[in-house]
Amino acid sequence: MLRRVGYFRTYLFGSERSSASYGLICPAVGLFVFGMFFLHVGLVQNGLVTKFSPAYFALLLPLAAVQILGILTMFRLDDRLLIARVPTLADAEAA
């Protein structure tokens, strides 16, 4: 849905700056937390997957990828919104 409404294009890669764009991190965090509950409560505690087995780590890998993507998104937003940019001579000439 975020891609459909152009949220990434506008706030993550575009020129718009808004503190509300930190909402991009929420789906990654929610998916990771839900995935951990599903893995541990749904699969490990019910005996379908053995903890620390190859299958366990295979199921954990996509969750780790989502978490890394969320962290990279946060760093990108921090860079765009929190770090002050010093205007350069090229910026002044372009304006």
C-alpha atoms as a PDB file:
ATOM      1  CA  MET A   1       0.000   0.000   0.000  1.00  0.00           C
ATOM      2  CA  LEU A   2       2.840   2.386   0.805  1.00  0.00           C
ATOM      3  CA  ARG A   3       4.334   1.794  -2.618  1.00  0.00           C
ATOM      4  CA  ARG A   4       0.955   2.294  -4.290  1.00  0.00           C
ATOM      5  CA  VAL A   5       0.448   5.766  -2.767  1.00  0.00           C
ATOM      6  CA  GLY A   6       4.044   6.763  -3.553  1.00  0.00           C
ATOM      7  CA  TYR A   7       5.177   7.043   0.058  1.00  0.00           C
ATOM      8  CA  PHE A   8       8.680   5.692  -0.624  1.00  0.00           C
ATOM      9  CA  ARG A   9       9.144   7.830  -3.717  1.00  0.00           C
ATOM     10  CA  THR A  10       7.969  10.955  -1.915  1.00  0.00           C
ATOM     11  CA  TYR A  11       9.464  10.694   1.552  1.00  0.00           C
ATOM     12  CA  LEU A  12      12.353   8.249   1.345  1.00  0.00           C
ATOM     13  CA  PHE A  13      13.817   9.126  -2.053  1.00  0.00           C
ATOM     14  CA  GLY A  14      12.039  12.369  -2.993  1.00  0.00           C
ATOM     15  CA  SER A  15      12.393  15.953  -1.914  1.00  0.00           C
ATOM     16  CA  GLU A  16       9.636  15.966   0.724  1.00  0.00           C
ATOM     17  CA  ARG A  17      10.752  16.128   4.348  1.00  0.00           C
ATOM     18  CA  SER A  18       8.378  15.113   7.120  1.00  0.00           C
ATOM     19  CA  SER A  19       8.905  13.641  10.563  1.00  0.00           C
ATOM     20  CA  ALA A  20       5.836  11.483   9.905  1.00  0.00           C
ATOM     21  CA  SER A  21       7.925   9.547   7.387  1.00  0.00           C
ATOM     22  CA  TYR A  22       9.386   7.644  10.353  1.00  0.00           C
ATOM     23  CA  GLY A  23       6.135   5.706  10.067  1.00  0.00           C
ATOM     24  CA  LEU A  24       7.916   3.760   7.301  1.00  0.00           C
ATOM     25  CA  ILE A  25       9.741   1.840  10.035  1.00  0.00           C
ATOM     26  CA  CYS A  26       6.554   0.571  11.715  1.00  0.00           C
ATOM     27  CA  PRO A  27       5.661  -2.139   9.160  1.00  0.00           C
ATOM     28  CA  ALA A  28       9.161  -3.618   9.388  1.00  0.00           C
ATOM     29  CA  VAL A  29       9.068  -3.686  13.191  1.00  0.00           C
ATOM     30  CA  GLY A  30       5.555  -5.129  13.245  1.00  0.00           C
ATOM     31  CA  LEU A  31       6.399  -7.845  10.727  1.00  0.00           C
ATOM     32  CA  PHE A  32       9.524  -8.803  12.654  1.00  0.00           C
ATOM     33  CA  VAL A  33       7.685  -9.011  15.990  1.00  0.00           C
ATOM     34  CA  PHE A  34       4.805 -10.988  14.479  1.00  0.00           C
ATOM     35  CA  GLY A  35       7.266 -13.318  12.768  1.00  0.00           C
ATOM     36  CA  MET A  36       9.140 -13.970  16.014  1.00  0.00           C
ATOM     37  CA  PHE A  37       5.895 -14.798  17.826  1.00  0.00           C
ATOM     38  CA  PHE A  38       4.858 -17.095  14.983  1.00  0.00           C
ATOM     39  CA  LEU A  39       8.238 -18.810  14.931  1.00  0.00           C
ATOM     40  CA  HIS A  40       8.601 -19.296  18.673  1.00  0.00           C
ATOM     41  CA  VAL A  41       5.028 -19.690  19.912  1.00  0.00           C
ATOM     42  CA  GLY A  42       3.495 -21.187  16.775  1.00  0.00           C
ATOM     43  CA  LEU A  43       6.266 -23.477  15.588  1.00  0.00           C
ATOM     44  CA  VAL A  44       8.920 -24.073  18.270  1.00  0.00           C
ATOM     45  CA  GLN A  45       6.657 -24.424  21.321  1.00  0.00           C
ATOM     46  CA  ASN A  46       4.327 -26.734  19.409  1.00  0.00           C
ATOM     47  CA  GLY A  47       7.221 -28.977  18.401  1.00  0.00           C
ATOM     48  CA  LEU A  48       6.947 -28.369  14.658  1.00  0.00           C
ATOM     49  CA  VAL A  49      10.444 -26.831  14.455  1.00  0.00           C
ATOM     50  CA  THR A  50      13.379 -27.550  16.754  1.00  0.00           C
ATOM     51  CA  LYS A  51      15.023 -24.463  18.198  1.00  0.00           C
ATOM     52  CA  PHE A  52      18.449 -23.714  16.639  1.00  0.00           C
ATOM     53  CA  SER A  53      17.963 -26.318  13.908  1.00  0.00           C
ATOM     54  CA  PRO A  54      18.681 -25.559  10.233  1.00  0.00           C
ATOM     55  CA  ALA A  55      14.929 -25.147   9.625  1.00  0.00           C
ATOM     56  CA  TYR A  56      14.743 -22.666  12.514  1.00  0.00           C
ATOM     57  CA  PHE A  57      17.497 -20.531  11.006  1.00  0.00           C
ATOM     58  CA  ALA A  58      15.967 -20.817   7.534  1.00  0.00           C
ATOM     59  CA  LEU A  59      12.727 -19.397   8.939  1.00  0.00           C
ATOM     60  CA  LEU A  60      14.631 -16.753  10.896  1.00  0.00           C
ATOM     61  CA  LEU A  61      16.537 -15.512   7.845  1.00  0.00           C
ATOM     62  CA  PRO A  62      13.655 -13.580   6.210  1.00  0.00           C
ATOM     63  CA  LEU A  63      12.876 -11.960   9.550  1.00  0.00           C
ATOM     64  CA  ALA A  64      16.483 -10.844   9.868  1.00  0.00           C
ATOM     65  CA  ALA A  65      16.310  -9.401   6.338  1.00  0.00           C
ATOM     66  CA  VAL A  66      13.178  -7.409   7.258  1.00  0.00           C
ATOM     67  CA  GLN A  67      14.909  -6.124  10.385  1.00  0.00           C
ATOM     68  CA  ILE A  68      17.988  -5.042   8.412  1.00  0.00           C
ATOM     69  CA  LEU A  69      15.772  -3.300   5.855  1.00  0.00           C
ATOM     70  CA  GLY A  70      14.011  -1.424   8.675  1.00  0.00           C
ATOM     71  CA  ILE A  71      17.346  -0.349  10.176  1.00  0.00           C
ATOM     72  CA  LEU A  72      18.641   0.844   6.800  1.00  0.00           C
ATOM     73  CA  THR A  73      15.408   2.798   6.274  1.00  0.00           C
ATOM     74  CA  MET A  74      15.835   4.439   9.675  1.00  0.00           C
ATOM     75  CA  PHE A  75      19.414   5.447   8.838  1.00  0.00           C
ATOM     76  CA  ARG A  76      18.248   6.898   5.506  1.00  0.00           C
ATOM     77  CA  LEU A  77      15.522   8.907   7.253  1.00  0.00           C
ATOM     78  CA  ASP A  78      17.947  10.065   9.943  1.00  0.00           C
ATOM     79  CA  ASP A  79      20.310  11.261   7.233  1.00  0.00           C
ATOM     80  CA  ARG A  80      17.535  13.129   5.423  1.00  0.00           C
ATOM     81  CA  LEU A  81      15.810  14.654   8.456  1.00  0.00           C
ATOM     82  CA  LEU A  82      18.224  14.981  11.356  1.00  0.00           C
ATOM     83  CA  ILE A  83      21.612  15.820   9.890  1.00  0.00           C
ATOM     84  CA  ALA A  84      21.943  19.513   9.067  1.00  0.00           C
ATOM     85  CA  ARG A  85      23.183  20.190   5.569  1.00  0.00           C
ATOM     86  CA  VAL A  86      25.554  23.077   4.964  1.00  0.00           C
ATOM     87  CA  PRO A  87      24.608  24.846   1.737  1.00  0.00           C
ATOM     88  CA  THR A  88      27.320  24.779  -0.896  1.00  0.00           C
ATOM     89  CA  LEU A  89      28.163  27.287  -3.589  1.00  0.00           C
ATOM     90  CA  ALA A  90      26.549  24.979  -6.178  1.00  0.00           C
ATOM     91  CA  ASP A  91      23.306  25.013  -4.172  1.00  0.00           C
ATOM     92  CA  ALA A  92      23.323  28.803  -4.053  1.00  0.00           C
ATOM     93  CA  GLU A  93      23.921  29.066  -7.802  1.00  0.00           C
ATOM     94  CA  ALA A  94      21.126  26.573  -8.535  1.00  0.00           C
ATOM     95  CA  ALA A  95      18.626  28.629  -6.527  1.00  0.00           C
END
